[in-house]
């Protein structure tokens, strides 16, 4: 994901538009395949890095939108995962990455 973010930033600095970058290049397509497989296998999410919430998946989503890859399977999977994570955070009584501490009555 970091490489995709770097490519996005470099493309933005270079031209400000994604149209100069060839997203059909097989190397770039292979790069997109890595997070797709990882998310499908359940080993990648926004909480995976350093044990706490990061913006990894939302940044990936932004990169895919910048390159107008909303029709790519990765975009769909990332959006679904982000919605799932948002729903998990909203469930009351859950203890997890968003637990703010406090007394539990022991």
N, C-alpha and C. Protein backbone atom coordinates (compact mmCIF):
# COMPACT_ATOMS: atom_id res chain seq x y z
N UNK A 1 0.82 -1.19 0.00
CA UNK A 1 0.00 0.00 0.00
C UNK A 1 0.86 1.26 0.00
N UNK A 2 2.01 1.17 0.67
CA UNK A 2 2.89 2.34 0.70
C UNK A 2 3.37 2.71 -0.70
N UNK A 3 3.69 1.70 -1.49
CA UNK A 3 4.16 1.95 -2.86
C UNK A 3 3.05 2.62 -3.69
N UNK A 4 1.83 2.16 -3.52
CA UNK A 4 0.71 2.77 -4.25
C UNK A 4 0.54 4.22 -3.83
N UNK A 5 0.67 4.49 -2.53
CA UNK A 5 0.56 5.88 -2.04
C UNK A 5 1.69 6.75 -2.61
N UNK A 6 2.90 6.19 -2.66
CA UNK A 6 4.04 6.94 -3.20
C UNK A 6 3.82 7.25 -4.68
N UNK A 7 3.35 6.27 -5.43
CA UNK A 7 3.07 6.49 -6.86
C UNK A 7 2.02 7.57 -7.02
N UNK A 8 1.00 7.55 -6.18
CA UNK A 8 -0.05 8.57 -6.24
C UNK A 8 0.52 9.95 -5.96
N UNK A 9 1.32 10.06 -4.90
CA UNK A 9 1.91 11.37 -4.55
C UNK A 9 2.82 11.88 -5.66
N UNK A 10 3.63 10.97 -6.23
CA UNK A 10 4.54 11.39 -7.31
C UNK A 10 3.75 11.83 -8.53
N UNK A 11 2.68 11.14 -8.84
CA UNK A 11 1.85 11.51 -9.97
C UNK A 11 1.18 12.86 -9.74
N UNK A 12 0.73 13.10 -8.52
CA UNK A 12 0.10 14.38 -8.20
C UNK A 12 1.09 15.53 -8.30
N UNK A 13 2.31 15.30 -7.83
CA UNK A 13 3.34 16.35 -7.90
C UNK A 13 3.76 16.63 -9.33
N UNK A 14 3.84 15.57 -10.12
CA UNK A 14 4.34 15.69 -11.48
C UNK A 14 3.38 16.44 -12.39
N UNK A 15 2.10 16.09 -12.32
CA UNK A 15 1.18 16.68 -13.27
C UNK A 15 -0.11 17.19 -12.65
N UNK A 16 -0.41 16.74 -11.44
CA UNK A 16 -1.67 17.11 -10.83
C UNK A 16 -2.85 16.32 -11.37
N UNK A 17 -2.60 15.52 -12.39
CA UNK A 17 -3.66 14.69 -12.99
C UNK A 17 -3.17 13.26 -13.10
N UNK A 18 -4.09 12.35 -12.98
CA UNK A 18 -3.74 10.93 -13.07
C UNK A 18 -3.62 10.45 -14.51
N UNK A 19 -4.04 11.26 -15.46
CA UNK A 19 -4.09 10.81 -16.85
C UNK A 19 -2.71 10.51 -17.44
N UNK A 20 -1.64 11.00 -16.81
CA UNK A 20 -0.30 10.75 -17.34
C UNK A 20 0.28 9.42 -16.86
N UNK A 21 -0.39 8.77 -15.94
CA UNK A 21 0.10 7.51 -15.40
C UNK A 21 -0.67 6.36 -16.02
N UNK A 22 0.06 5.35 -16.49
CA UNK A 22 -0.55 4.20 -17.16
C UNK A 22 -0.94 3.14 -16.13
N UNK A 23 -2.19 3.17 -15.70
CA UNK A 23 -2.66 2.22 -14.70
C UNK A 23 -2.85 0.81 -15.28
N UNK A 24 -2.79 0.68 -16.58
CA UNK A 24 -2.93 -0.64 -17.19
C UNK A 24 -1.60 -1.39 -17.25
N UNK A 25 -0.52 -0.72 -16.87
CA UNK A 25 0.80 -1.36 -16.83
C UNK A 25 0.72 -2.61 -15.95
N UNK A 26 1.23 -3.72 -16.44
CA UNK A 26 1.12 -4.98 -15.72
C UNK A 26 1.81 -4.94 -14.36
N UNK A 27 2.86 -4.13 -14.21
CA UNK A 27 3.54 -4.02 -12.92
C UNK A 27 2.64 -3.32 -11.90
N UNK A 28 1.93 -2.29 -12.33
CA UNK A 28 1.01 -1.59 -11.44
C UNK A 28 -0.18 -2.48 -11.10
N UNK A 29 -0.68 -3.20 -12.09
CA UNK A 29 -1.79 -4.11 -11.85
C UNK A 29 -1.39 -5.22 -10.87
N UNK A 30 -0.17 -5.71 -10.98
CA UNK A 30 0.33 -6.71 -10.03
C UNK A 30 0.42 -6.13 -8.63
N UNK A 31 0.82 -4.89 -8.55
CA UNK A 31 0.91 -4.20 -7.26
C UNK A 31 -0.47 -4.09 -6.61
N UNK A 32 -1.49 -3.81 -7.41
CA UNK A 32 -2.86 -3.72 -6.88
C UNK A 32 -3.36 -5.08 -6.39
N UNK A 33 -2.83 -6.12 -6.95
CA UNK A 33 -3.27 -7.47 -6.60
C UNK A 33 -2.85 -7.86 -5.17
N UNK A 34 -1.73 -7.33 -4.69
CA UNK A 34 -1.21 -7.69 -3.37
C UNK A 34 -2.19 -7.32 -2.25
N UNK A 35 -2.63 -6.05 -2.13
CA UNK A 35 -3.59 -5.76 -1.06
C UNK A 35 -4.94 -6.44 -1.29
N UNK A 36 -5.32 -6.67 -2.53
CA UNK A 36 -6.57 -7.37 -2.81
C UNK A 36 -6.56 -8.76 -2.18
N UNK A 37 -5.50 -9.51 -2.40
CA UNK A 37 -5.38 -10.85 -1.83
C UNK A 37 -5.29 -10.78 -0.31
N UNK A 38 -4.52 -9.83 0.21
CA UNK A 38 -4.35 -9.72 1.66
C UNK A 38 -5.68 -9.41 2.36
N UNK A 39 -6.48 -8.52 1.80
CA UNK A 39 -7.78 -8.20 2.40
C UNK A 39 -8.70 -9.41 2.33
N UNK A 40 -8.70 -10.09 1.19
CA UNK A 40 -9.54 -11.29 1.05
C UNK A 40 -9.14 -12.39 2.03
N UNK A 41 -7.85 -12.47 2.34
CA UNK A 41 -7.37 -13.48 3.28
C UNK A 41 -7.58 -13.05 4.73
N UNK A 42 -8.00 -11.81 4.93
CA UNK A 42 -8.25 -11.32 6.28
C UNK A 42 -7.01 -10.91 7.05
N UNK A 43 -5.92 -10.64 6.33
CA UNK A 43 -4.68 -10.25 7.01
C UNK A 43 -4.36 -8.77 6.86
N UNK A 44 -5.27 -8.02 6.25
CA UNK A 44 -5.03 -6.59 6.08
C UNK A 44 -6.31 -5.84 6.39
N UNK A 45 -6.17 -4.85 7.25
CA UNK A 45 -7.27 -3.95 7.54
C UNK A 45 -6.66 -2.66 8.08
N UNK A 46 -7.48 -1.72 8.49
CA UNK A 46 -6.97 -0.44 8.97
C UNK A 46 -6.27 -0.57 10.31
N UNK A 47 -6.53 -1.64 11.05
CA UNK A 47 -5.92 -1.81 12.36
C UNK A 47 -4.68 -2.71 12.32
N UNK A 48 -4.32 -3.20 11.20
CA UNK A 48 -3.24 -4.19 11.11
C UNK A 48 -1.88 -3.61 11.46
N UNK A 49 -1.62 -2.40 11.08
CA UNK A 49 -0.30 -1.83 11.26
C UNK A 49 -0.10 -1.30 12.67
N UNK A 50 0.97 -1.69 13.30
CA UNK A 50 1.37 -1.22 14.63
C UNK A 50 0.30 -1.42 15.70
N UNK A 51 -0.68 -2.27 15.42
CA UNK A 51 -1.66 -2.61 16.43
C UNK A 51 -2.69 -1.54 16.74
N UNK A 52 -2.78 -0.53 15.93
CA UNK A 52 -3.80 0.49 16.17
C UNK A 52 -4.32 1.02 14.85
N UNK A 53 -5.37 1.79 14.93
CA UNK A 53 -6.03 2.28 13.72
C UNK A 53 -5.12 3.23 12.94
N UNK A 54 -5.09 3.04 11.64
CA UNK A 54 -4.38 3.95 10.75
C UNK A 54 -5.32 4.28 9.61
N UNK A 55 -4.87 5.12 8.73
CA UNK A 55 -5.70 5.48 7.58
C UNK A 55 -5.32 4.68 6.34
N UNK A 56 -4.65 3.54 6.53
CA UNK A 56 -4.14 2.79 5.39
C UNK A 56 -5.19 2.51 4.32
N UNK A 57 -6.32 1.95 4.71
CA UNK A 57 -7.31 1.59 3.70
C UNK A 57 -7.99 2.81 3.11
N UNK A 58 -8.21 3.84 3.89
CA UNK A 58 -8.83 5.04 3.33
C UNK A 58 -7.86 5.75 2.37
N UNK A 59 -6.58 5.70 2.67
CA UNK A 59 -5.59 6.27 1.75
C UNK A 59 -5.52 5.46 0.46
N UNK A 60 -5.62 4.15 0.59
CA UNK A 60 -5.64 3.29 -0.59
C UNK A 60 -6.87 3.60 -1.44
N UNK A 61 -8.00 3.76 -0.79
CA UNK A 61 -9.24 4.12 -1.49
C UNK A 61 -9.07 5.44 -2.23
N UNK A 62 -8.46 6.42 -1.56
CA UNK A 62 -8.22 7.72 -2.19
C UNK A 62 -7.32 7.59 -3.42
N UNK A 63 -6.30 6.75 -3.32
CA UNK A 63 -5.39 6.53 -4.46
C UNK A 63 -6.13 5.90 -5.63
N UNK A 64 -6.96 4.92 -5.34
CA UNK A 64 -7.73 4.27 -6.40
C UNK A 64 -8.68 5.26 -7.07
N UNK A 65 -9.28 6.14 -6.27
CA UNK A 65 -10.16 7.16 -6.84
C UNK A 65 -9.36 8.16 -7.68
N UNK A 66 -8.17 8.52 -7.22
CA UNK A 66 -7.33 9.45 -7.97
C UNK A 66 -7.02 8.89 -9.36
N UNK A 67 -6.74 7.59 -9.42
CA UNK A 67 -6.43 6.95 -10.70
C UNK A 67 -7.67 6.46 -11.43
N UNK A 68 -8.84 6.83 -10.93
CA UNK A 68 -10.12 6.49 -11.54
C UNK A 68 -10.27 4.98 -11.72
N UNK A 69 -9.95 4.26 -10.64
CA UNK A 69 -10.02 2.79 -10.67
C UNK A 69 -11.18 2.27 -9.83
N UNK A 70 -12.28 3.02 -9.82
CA UNK A 70 -13.45 2.61 -9.05
C UNK A 70 -14.05 1.30 -9.56
N UNK A 71 -13.76 0.93 -10.79
CA UNK A 71 -14.28 -0.32 -11.34
C UNK A 71 -13.38 -1.52 -11.03
N UNK A 72 -12.22 -1.27 -10.45
CA UNK A 72 -11.29 -2.35 -10.10
C UNK A 72 -11.82 -3.09 -8.88
N UNK A 73 -11.63 -4.40 -8.86
CA UNK A 73 -12.11 -5.22 -7.75
C UNK A 73 -11.55 -4.76 -6.41
N UNK A 74 -10.31 -4.28 -6.39
CA UNK A 74 -9.70 -3.81 -5.15
C UNK A 74 -10.50 -2.66 -4.54
N UNK A 75 -10.99 -1.76 -5.37
CA UNK A 75 -11.77 -0.63 -4.87
C UNK A 75 -13.02 -1.13 -4.15
N UNK A 76 -13.71 -2.07 -4.75
CA UNK A 76 -14.92 -2.64 -4.14
C UNK A 76 -14.61 -3.29 -2.80
N UNK A 77 -13.54 -4.09 -2.76
CA UNK A 77 -13.16 -4.79 -1.55
C UNK A 77 -12.74 -3.80 -0.45
N UNK A 78 -12.00 -2.77 -0.82
CA UNK A 78 -11.57 -1.76 0.16
C UNK A 78 -12.78 -1.03 0.73
N UNK A 79 -13.71 -0.64 -0.12
CA UNK A 79 -14.92 0.06 0.35
C UNK A 79 -15.72 -0.82 1.30
N UNK A 80 -15.87 -2.09 0.96
CA UNK A 80 -16.60 -3.02 1.81
C UNK A 80 -15.91 -3.17 3.17
N UNK A 81 -14.58 -3.29 3.15
CA UNK A 81 -13.81 -3.45 4.39
C UNK A 81 -13.92 -2.20 5.26
N UNK A 82 -13.85 -1.03 4.65
CA UNK A 82 -13.98 0.22 5.41
C UNK A 82 -15.36 0.33 6.04
N UNK A 83 -16.40 -0.05 5.31
CA UNK A 83 -17.75 -0.01 5.86
C UNK A 83 -17.89 -1.02 7.00
N UNK A 84 -17.31 -2.18 6.85
CA UNK A 84 -17.34 -3.21 7.89
C UNK A 84 -16.65 -2.71 9.16
N UNK A 85 -15.49 -2.08 9.00
CA UNK A 85 -14.76 -1.55 10.14
C UNK A 85 -15.54 -0.43 10.82
N UNK A 86 -16.18 0.41 10.03
CA UNK A 86 -16.98 1.49 10.59
C UNK A 86 -18.16 0.92 11.38
N UNK A 87 -18.80 -0.10 10.87
CA UNK A 87 -19.91 -0.74 11.57
C UNK A 87 -19.43 -1.37 12.87
N UNK A 88 -18.24 -2.00 12.85
CA UNK A 88 -17.69 -2.62 14.06
C UNK A 88 -17.41 -1.59 15.13
N UNK A 89 -16.93 -0.43 14.75
CA UNK A 89 -16.63 0.63 15.71
C UNK A 89 -17.88 1.18 16.36
N UNK A 90 -18.99 1.14 15.66
CA UNK A 90 -20.23 1.72 16.16
C UNK A 90 -21.00 0.81 17.09
N UNK A 91 -20.62 -0.46 17.19
CA UNK A 91 -21.36 -1.39 18.03
C UNK A 91 -21.07 -1.11 19.50
N UNK A 92 -22.12 -0.87 20.31
CA UNK A 92 -21.91 -0.58 21.73
C UNK A 92 -21.44 -1.81 22.50
N UNK A 93 -20.65 -1.56 23.54
CA UNK A 93 -20.21 -2.63 24.40
C UNK A 93 -19.04 -3.43 23.87
N UNK A 94 -18.52 -3.05 22.75
CA UNK A 94 -17.40 -3.78 22.18
C UNK A 94 -16.10 -3.33 22.84
N UNK A 95 -15.18 -4.24 23.01
CA UNK A 95 -13.85 -3.93 23.49
C UNK A 95 -12.91 -4.23 22.35
N UNK A 96 -12.17 -3.24 21.94
CA UNK A 96 -11.26 -3.44 20.82
C UNK A 96 -10.34 -2.25 20.67
N UNK A 97 -9.94 -1.99 19.44
CA UNK A 97 -8.98 -0.93 19.18
C UNK A 97 -9.51 0.44 19.56
N UNK A 98 -10.83 0.62 19.63
CA UNK A 98 -11.39 1.91 19.95
C UNK A 98 -11.83 2.01 21.41
N UNK A 99 -11.47 1.00 22.22
CA UNK A 99 -11.82 1.00 23.64
C UNK A 99 -11.03 2.10 24.33
N UNK A 100 -11.71 2.97 25.06
CA UNK A 100 -11.04 4.12 25.66
C UNK A 100 -10.62 3.89 27.09
N UNK A 101 -10.81 2.69 27.62
CA UNK A 101 -10.36 2.40 28.98
C UNK A 101 -11.44 2.68 30.00
N UNK A 102 -11.01 2.80 31.24
CA UNK A 102 -11.95 3.05 32.32
C UNK A 102 -12.15 1.80 33.15
N UNK A 103 -12.95 1.91 34.17
CA UNK A 103 -13.19 0.82 35.08
C UNK A 103 -14.12 -0.21 34.45
N UNK A 104 -13.81 -1.47 34.67
CA UNK A 104 -14.67 -2.54 34.18
C UNK A 104 -15.37 -3.25 35.32
N UNK A 105 -15.24 -2.73 36.54
CA UNK A 105 -15.97 -3.25 37.68
C UNK A 105 -15.31 -4.42 38.38
N UNK A 106 -14.01 -4.59 38.24
CA UNK A 106 -13.33 -5.68 38.95
C UNK A 106 -12.84 -5.20 40.29
